[in-house]
Amino acid sequence: MRIGELARATGTTARALRHYEQAGLISSRRAPNGYRIYDERAVVRVRNIRHLLAAGLTLDDVRVFLPCLDGDVAAAPPSEKGLRVALERLAVLNARIAAQTEARDRLGAALRQATSGRNRPVA
């Protein structure tokens, strides 16, 4: 199947597919006219990649799951390495959320102080 067909079948874009290919997560062969041709199995692989990305993993994180991207990633028991990567990513996300929460709280406090005595409500 061509790149546009794979994009439609997986709910993604041709640009994302080229990015996944550049990252080594999917592969294609070239038709005589230079078009990328993907195997039908690429549909499952791309859906699994998108599932992992939607869960908060990065493309680098997804590489750990290469051996199982052609199966049912969502239903398969996680490997120790996969669990470690997911836990590390969760720690990074939690740290970012904490930092953003602190920044929001500081900004809110500064705005409340700056607007005290005014009739404008500040969240």
N, C-alpha and C. Protein backbone atom coordinates (compact mmCIF):
# COMPACT_ATOMS: atom_id res chain seq x y z
N MET A 1 0.84 -1.17 0.00
CA MET A 1 0.00 0.00 0.00
C MET A 1 0.89 1.24 0.00
N ARG A 2 0.39 2.29 -0.60
CA ARG A 2 1.14 3.54 -0.65
C ARG A 2 0.95 4.32 0.64
N ILE A 3 1.77 5.34 0.81
CA ILE A 3 1.81 6.09 2.06
C ILE A 3 0.46 6.72 2.40
N GLY A 4 -0.24 7.25 1.42
CA GLY A 4 -1.55 7.85 1.68
C GLY A 4 -2.56 6.83 2.16
N GLU A 5 -2.50 5.64 1.59
CA GLU A 5 -3.41 4.57 2.02
C GLU A 5 -3.12 4.15 3.46
N LEU A 6 -1.83 4.03 3.79
CA LEU A 6 -1.45 3.67 5.15
C LEU A 6 -1.86 4.77 6.13
N ALA A 7 -1.70 6.00 5.73
CA ALA A 7 -2.10 7.13 6.58
C ALA A 7 -3.60 7.07 6.86
N ARG A 8 -4.40 6.85 5.83
CA ARG A 8 -5.86 6.77 6.02
C ARG A 8 -6.24 5.57 6.89
N ALA A 9 -5.58 4.43 6.66
CA ALA A 9 -5.91 3.21 7.41
C ALA A 9 -5.56 3.32 8.89
N THR A 10 -4.63 4.19 9.23
CA THR A 10 -4.16 4.29 10.62
C THR A 10 -4.54 5.60 11.29
N GLY A 11 -5.21 6.48 10.57
CA GLY A 11 -5.63 7.76 11.15
C GLY A 11 -4.47 8.68 11.45
N THR A 12 -3.44 8.61 10.64
CA THR A 12 -2.29 9.48 10.83
C THR A 12 -2.01 10.24 9.54
N THR A 13 -0.88 10.88 9.47
CA THR A 13 -0.52 11.65 8.28
C THR A 13 0.68 11.02 7.59
N ALA A 14 0.83 11.32 6.33
CA ALA A 14 2.00 10.84 5.59
C ALA A 14 3.28 11.39 6.22
N ARG A 15 3.21 12.60 6.70
CA ARG A 15 4.39 13.19 7.35
C ARG A 15 4.80 12.39 8.58
N ALA A 16 3.82 12.01 9.40
CA ALA A 16 4.12 11.20 10.59
C ALA A 16 4.72 9.86 10.18
N LEU A 17 4.20 9.26 9.13
CA LEU A 17 4.72 7.97 8.67
C LEU A 17 6.16 8.10 8.21
N ARG A 18 6.47 9.17 7.49
CA ARG A 18 7.86 9.39 7.08
C ARG A 18 8.75 9.58 8.30
N HIS A 19 8.22 10.25 9.33
CA HIS A 19 8.97 10.45 10.57
C HIS A 19 9.21 9.11 11.27
N TYR A 20 8.19 8.25 11.34
CA TYR A 20 8.35 6.93 11.94
C TYR A 20 9.38 6.11 11.17
N GLU A 21 9.36 6.26 9.85
CA GLU A 21 10.31 5.52 9.02
C GLU A 21 11.73 6.04 9.26
N GLN A 22 11.89 7.33 9.33
CA GLN A 22 13.20 7.92 9.59
C GLN A 22 13.72 7.49 10.96
N ALA A 23 12.82 7.29 11.92
CA ALA A 23 13.19 6.85 13.26
C ALA A 23 13.46 5.35 13.32
N GLY A 24 13.23 4.65 12.21
CA GLY A 24 13.50 3.21 12.17
C GLY A 24 12.40 2.34 12.74
N LEU A 25 11.20 2.91 12.90
CA LEU A 25 10.10 2.15 13.48
C LEU A 25 9.27 1.40 12.45
N ILE A 26 9.24 1.91 11.23
CA ILE A 26 8.58 1.21 10.12
C ILE A 26 9.52 1.25 8.93
N SER A 27 9.22 0.42 7.95
CA SER A 27 10.05 0.41 6.74
C SER A 27 9.16 0.26 5.51
N SER A 28 9.70 0.65 4.39
CA SER A 28 8.99 0.55 3.12
C SER A 28 9.99 0.15 2.04
N ARG A 29 9.44 -0.20 0.92
CA ARG A 29 10.29 -0.38 -0.26
C ARG A 29 9.85 0.68 -1.26
N ARG A 30 10.66 0.88 -2.27
CA ARG A 30 10.32 1.91 -3.26
C ARG A 30 9.80 1.26 -4.53
N ALA A 31 8.72 1.81 -5.05
CA ALA A 31 8.19 1.41 -6.35
C ALA A 31 9.09 2.01 -7.43
N PRO A 32 9.00 1.53 -8.65
CA PRO A 32 9.82 2.09 -9.73
C PRO A 32 9.67 3.61 -9.89
N ASN A 33 8.51 4.13 -9.54
CA ASN A 33 8.29 5.58 -9.65
C ASN A 33 8.77 6.34 -8.42
N GLY A 34 9.35 5.64 -7.44
CA GLY A 34 9.89 6.26 -6.24
C GLY A 34 8.93 6.33 -5.07
N TYR A 35 7.68 5.95 -5.28
CA TYR A 35 6.71 5.97 -4.19
C TYR A 35 7.06 4.93 -3.14
N ARG A 36 6.77 5.27 -1.90
CA ARG A 36 6.95 4.31 -0.80
C ARG A 36 5.82 3.28 -0.87
N ILE A 37 6.18 2.02 -0.70
CA ILE A 37 5.21 0.94 -0.67
C ILE A 37 5.37 0.21 0.67
N TYR A 38 4.28 0.12 1.42
CA TYR A 38 4.30 -0.51 2.74
C TYR A 38 3.57 -1.85 2.68
N ASP A 39 4.06 -2.77 3.47
CA ASP A 39 3.43 -4.07 3.64
C ASP A 39 2.12 -3.88 4.41
N GLU A 40 1.16 -4.75 4.21
CA GLU A 40 -0.12 -4.68 4.93
C GLU A 40 0.08 -4.74 6.45
N ARG A 41 1.12 -5.42 6.90
CA ARG A 41 1.39 -5.53 8.34
C ARG A 41 1.75 -4.19 8.97
N ALA A 42 2.10 -3.21 8.15
CA ALA A 42 2.46 -1.89 8.67
C ALA A 42 1.28 -1.23 9.37
N VAL A 43 0.06 -1.61 9.01
CA VAL A 43 -1.12 -1.01 9.65
C VAL A 43 -1.10 -1.31 11.15
N VAL A 44 -0.86 -2.56 11.52
CA VAL A 44 -0.81 -2.94 12.94
C VAL A 44 0.34 -2.23 13.63
N ARG A 45 1.50 -2.21 12.98
CA ARG A 45 2.68 -1.59 13.57
C ARG A 45 2.44 -0.10 13.83
N VAL A 46 1.87 0.61 12.87
CA VAL A 46 1.63 2.04 13.04
C VAL A 46 0.57 2.29 14.12
N ARG A 47 -0.45 1.47 14.15
CA ARG A 47 -1.46 1.63 15.21
C ARG A 47 -0.83 1.42 16.58
N ASN A 48 0.07 0.45 16.70
CA ASN A 48 0.76 0.23 17.97
C ASN A 48 1.66 1.40 18.33
N ILE A 49 2.35 1.94 17.35
CA ILE A 49 3.21 3.11 17.59
C ILE A 49 2.35 4.26 18.11
N ARG A 50 1.23 4.49 17.45
CA ARG A 50 0.34 5.58 17.86
C ARG A 50 -0.24 5.34 19.26
N HIS A 51 -0.54 4.08 19.57
CA HIS A 51 -1.04 3.74 20.91
C HIS A 51 0.00 4.09 21.97
N LEU A 52 1.24 3.73 21.73
CA LEU A 52 2.31 4.01 22.69
C LEU A 52 2.58 5.51 22.80
N LEU A 53 2.55 6.21 21.68
CA LEU A 53 2.74 7.67 21.72
C LEU A 53 1.60 8.34 22.47
N ALA A 54 0.38 7.87 22.25
CA ALA A 54 -0.78 8.44 22.94
C ALA A 54 -0.70 8.19 24.44
N ALA A 55 0.00 7.13 24.85
CA ALA A 55 0.16 6.83 26.27
C ALA A 55 1.20 7.73 26.93
N GLY A 56 1.89 8.53 26.12
CA GLY A 56 2.87 9.47 26.68
C GLY A 56 4.31 9.11 26.42
N LEU A 57 4.56 8.03 25.68
CA LEU A 57 5.94 7.67 25.36
C LEU A 57 6.44 8.50 24.19
N THR A 58 7.75 8.56 24.04
CA THR A 58 8.37 9.26 22.92
C THR A 58 8.76 8.24 21.86
N LEU A 59 9.16 8.71 20.69
CA LEU A 59 9.62 7.78 19.65
C LEU A 59 10.84 6.99 20.12
N ASP A 60 11.72 7.64 20.87
CA ASP A 60 12.87 6.91 21.42
C ASP A 60 12.40 5.81 22.36
N ASP A 61 11.41 6.10 23.18
CA ASP A 61 10.86 5.10 24.09
C ASP A 61 10.25 3.94 23.30
N VAL A 62 9.55 4.25 22.22
CA VAL A 62 8.86 3.23 21.42
C VAL A 62 9.84 2.22 20.84
N ARG A 63 11.08 2.64 20.59
CA ARG A 63 12.09 1.72 20.04
C ARG A 63 12.27 0.48 20.91
N VAL A 64 12.09 0.62 22.22
CA VAL A 64 12.22 -0.51 23.14
C VAL A 64 11.19 -1.59 22.80
N PHE A 65 10.07 -1.16 22.24
CA PHE A 65 8.98 -2.08 21.95
C PHE A 65 9.04 -2.67 20.54
N LEU A 66 10.09 -2.40 19.79
CA LEU A 66 10.21 -2.89 18.41
C LEU A 66 9.90 -4.38 18.26
N PRO A 67 10.40 -5.24 19.15
CA PRO A 67 10.13 -6.67 18.96
C PRO A 67 8.65 -7.05 19.04
N CYS A 68 7.82 -6.20 19.63
CA CYS A 68 6.41 -6.57 19.77
C CYS A 68 5.45 -5.63 19.04
N LEU A 69 5.96 -4.74 18.20
CA LEU A 69 5.09 -3.78 17.51
C LEU A 69 4.18 -4.43 16.47
N ASP A 70 4.47 -5.64 16.07
CA ASP A 70 3.65 -6.29 15.05
C ASP A 70 2.53 -7.13 15.66
N GLY A 71 2.46 -7.17 17.00
CA GLY A 71 1.41 -7.91 17.68
C GLY A 71 0.43 -6.97 18.34
N ASP A 72 -0.27 -7.49 19.35
CA ASP A 72 -1.25 -6.69 20.09
C ASP A 72 -0.57 -6.09 21.31
N VAL A 73 0.05 -4.94 21.13
CA VAL A 73 0.81 -4.29 22.20
C VAL A 73 -0.07 -3.98 23.41
N ALA A 74 -1.29 -3.56 23.17
CA ALA A 74 -2.17 -3.16 24.27
C ALA A 74 -2.55 -4.34 25.16
N ALA A 75 -2.65 -5.54 24.59
CA ALA A 75 -3.10 -6.71 25.35
C ALA A 75 -1.94 -7.57 25.86
N ALA A 76 -0.77 -7.41 25.29
CA ALA A 76 0.37 -8.25 25.65
C ALA A 76 0.90 -7.86 27.03
N PRO A 77 1.40 -8.84 27.79
CA PRO A 77 2.01 -8.49 29.07
C PRO A 77 3.30 -7.70 28.82
N PRO A 78 3.53 -6.65 29.60
CA PRO A 78 4.71 -5.82 29.36
C PRO A 78 6.00 -6.53 29.78
N SER A 79 7.06 -6.23 29.07
CA SER A 79 8.37 -6.76 29.42
C SER A 79 8.95 -5.91 30.55
N GLU A 80 9.97 -6.45 31.20
CA GLU A 80 10.64 -5.67 32.26
C GLU A 80 11.22 -4.38 31.70
N LYS A 81 11.83 -4.48 30.51
CA LYS A 81 12.43 -3.29 29.89
C LYS A 81 11.34 -2.27 29.53
N GLY A 82 10.23 -2.77 28.99
CA GLY A 82 9.12 -1.89 28.64
C GLY A 82 8.54 -1.20 29.87
N LEU A 83 8.40 -1.94 30.96
CA LEU A 83 7.91 -1.35 32.20
C LEU A 83 8.87 -0.28 32.72
N ARG A 84 10.16 -0.56 32.64
CA ARG A 84 11.15 0.41 33.12
C ARG A 84 11.06 1.70 32.31
N VAL A 85 10.97 1.57 31.00
CA VAL A 85 10.87 2.76 30.14
C VAL A 85 9.60 3.54 30.46
N ALA A 86 8.49 2.84 30.64
CA ALA A 86 7.23 3.51 30.94
C ALA A 86 7.29 4.21 32.29
N LEU A 87 7.88 3.57 33.28
CA LEU A 87 8.01 4.19 34.60
C LEU A 87 8.92 5.41 34.57
N GLU A 88 10.00 5.33 33.80
CA GLU A 88 10.89 6.49 33.65
C GLU A 88 10.16 7.64 32.97
N ARG A 89 9.38 7.35 31.93
CA ARG A 89 8.64 8.40 31.23
C ARG A 89 7.59 9.01 32.16
N LEU A 90 6.93 8.18 32.97
CA LEU A 90 5.95 8.68 33.93
C LEU A 90 6.61 9.63 34.93
N ALA A 91 7.80 9.29 35.39
CA ALA A 91 8.52 10.15 36.33
C ALA A 91 8.85 11.50 35.68
N VAL A 92 9.25 11.48 34.41
CA VAL A 92 9.55 12.72 33.69
C VAL A 92 8.28 13.57 33.56
N LEU A 93 7.18 12.93 33.19
CA LEU A 93 5.92 13.66 33.04
C LEU A 93 5.46 14.24 34.37
N ASN A 94 5.58 13.47 35.44
CA ASN A 94 5.19 13.97 36.76
C ASN A 94 6.04 15.17 37.18
N ALA A 95 7.33 15.12 36.89
CA ALA A 95 8.21 16.25 37.22
C ALA A 95 7.82 17.49 36.41
N ARG A 96 7.50 17.31 35.15
CA ARG A 96 7.08 18.44 34.33
C ARG A 96 5.77 19.03 34.83
N ILE A 97 4.83 18.17 35.18
CA ILE A 97 3.54 18.64 35.70
C ILE A 97 3.75 19.41 36.99
N ALA A 98 4.59 18.90 37.87
CA ALA A 98 4.87 19.58 39.14
C ALA A 98 5.48 20.95 38.89
N ALA A 99 6.43 21.03 37.95
CA ALA A 99 7.08 22.31 37.65
C ALA A 99 6.07 23.29 37.06
N GLN A 100 5.20 22.82 36.17
CA GLN A 100 4.20 23.70 35.58
C GLN A 100 3.17 24.14 36.61
N THR A 101 2.81 23.25 37.52
CA THR A 101 1.87 23.61 38.59
C THR A 101 2.46 24.68 39.48
N GLU A 102 3.73 24.54 39.83
CA GLU A 102 4.40 25.57 40.64
C GLU A 102 4.44 26.90 39.91
N ALA A 103 4.76 26.88 38.62
CA ALA A 103 4.82 28.12 37.84
C ALA A 103 3.44 28.77 37.78
N ARG A 104 2.40 27.96 37.56
CA ARG A 104 1.04 28.49 37.52
C ARG A 104 0.67 29.11 38.85
N ASP A 105 0.99 28.43 39.94
CA ASP A 105 0.66 28.95 41.26
C ASP A 105 1.39 30.25 41.56
N ARG A 106 2.67 30.33 41.17
CA ARG A 106 3.43 31.58 41.38
C ARG A 106 2.83 32.72 40.57
N LEU A 107 2.48 32.43 39.32
CA LEU A 107 1.89 33.46 38.46
C LEU A 107 0.54 33.90 39.02
N GLY A 108 -0.27 32.95 39.45
CA GLY A 108 -1.57 33.29 40.04
C GLY A 108 -1.41 34.16 41.27
N ALA A 109 -0.45 33.81 42.13
CA ALA A 109 -0.21 34.61 43.34
C ALA A 109 0.26 36.02 42.98
N ALA A 110 1.14 36.11 42.00
CA ALA A 110 1.64 37.43 41.57
C ALA A 110 0.51 38.27 41.00
N LEU A 111 -0.36 37.64 40.21
CA LEU A 111 -1.49 38.38 39.64
C LEU A 111 -2.48 38.81 40.72
N ARG A 112 -2.73 37.94 41.67
CA ARG A 112 -3.64 38.32 42.76
C ARG A 112 -3.07 39.50 43.55
N GLN A 113 -1.76 39.47 43.79
CA GLN A 113 -1.11 40.57 44.52
C GLN A 113 -1.15 41.85 43.71
N ALA A 114 -0.87 41.73 42.41
CA ALA A 114 -0.83 42.92 41.55
C ALA A 114 -2.21 43.53 41.34
N THR A 115 -3.25 42.72 41.43
CA THR A 115 -4.59 43.24 41.16
C THR A 115 -5.44 43.37 42.42
N SER A 116 -4.84 43.19 43.58
CA SER A 116 -5.63 43.33 44.81
C SER A 116 -6.16 44.76 44.88
N GLY A 117 -7.40 44.85 45.25
CA GLY A 117 -8.03 46.18 45.33
C GLY A 117 -8.70 46.58 44.03
N ARG A 118 -8.51 45.84 42.97
CA ARG A 118 -9.19 46.14 41.72
C ARG A 118 -10.47 45.31 41.64
N ASN A 119 -11.32 45.66 40.70
CA ASN A 119 -12.60 44.94 40.56
C ASN A 119 -12.51 43.77 39.59
N ARG A 120 -11.33 43.47 39.10
CA ARG A 120 -11.17 42.35 38.16
C ARG A 120 -10.96 41.05 38.92
N PRO A 121 -11.78 40.04 38.64
CA PRO A 121 -11.52 38.74 39.28
C PRO A 121 -10.34 38.06 38.61
N VAL A 122 -9.50 37.45 39.41
CA VAL A 122 -8.36 36.69 38.91
C VAL A 122 -8.49 35.27 39.42
N ALA A 123 -8.29 34.31 38.56
CA ALA A 123 -8.45 32.89 38.94
C ALA A 123 -7.52 32.49 40.05
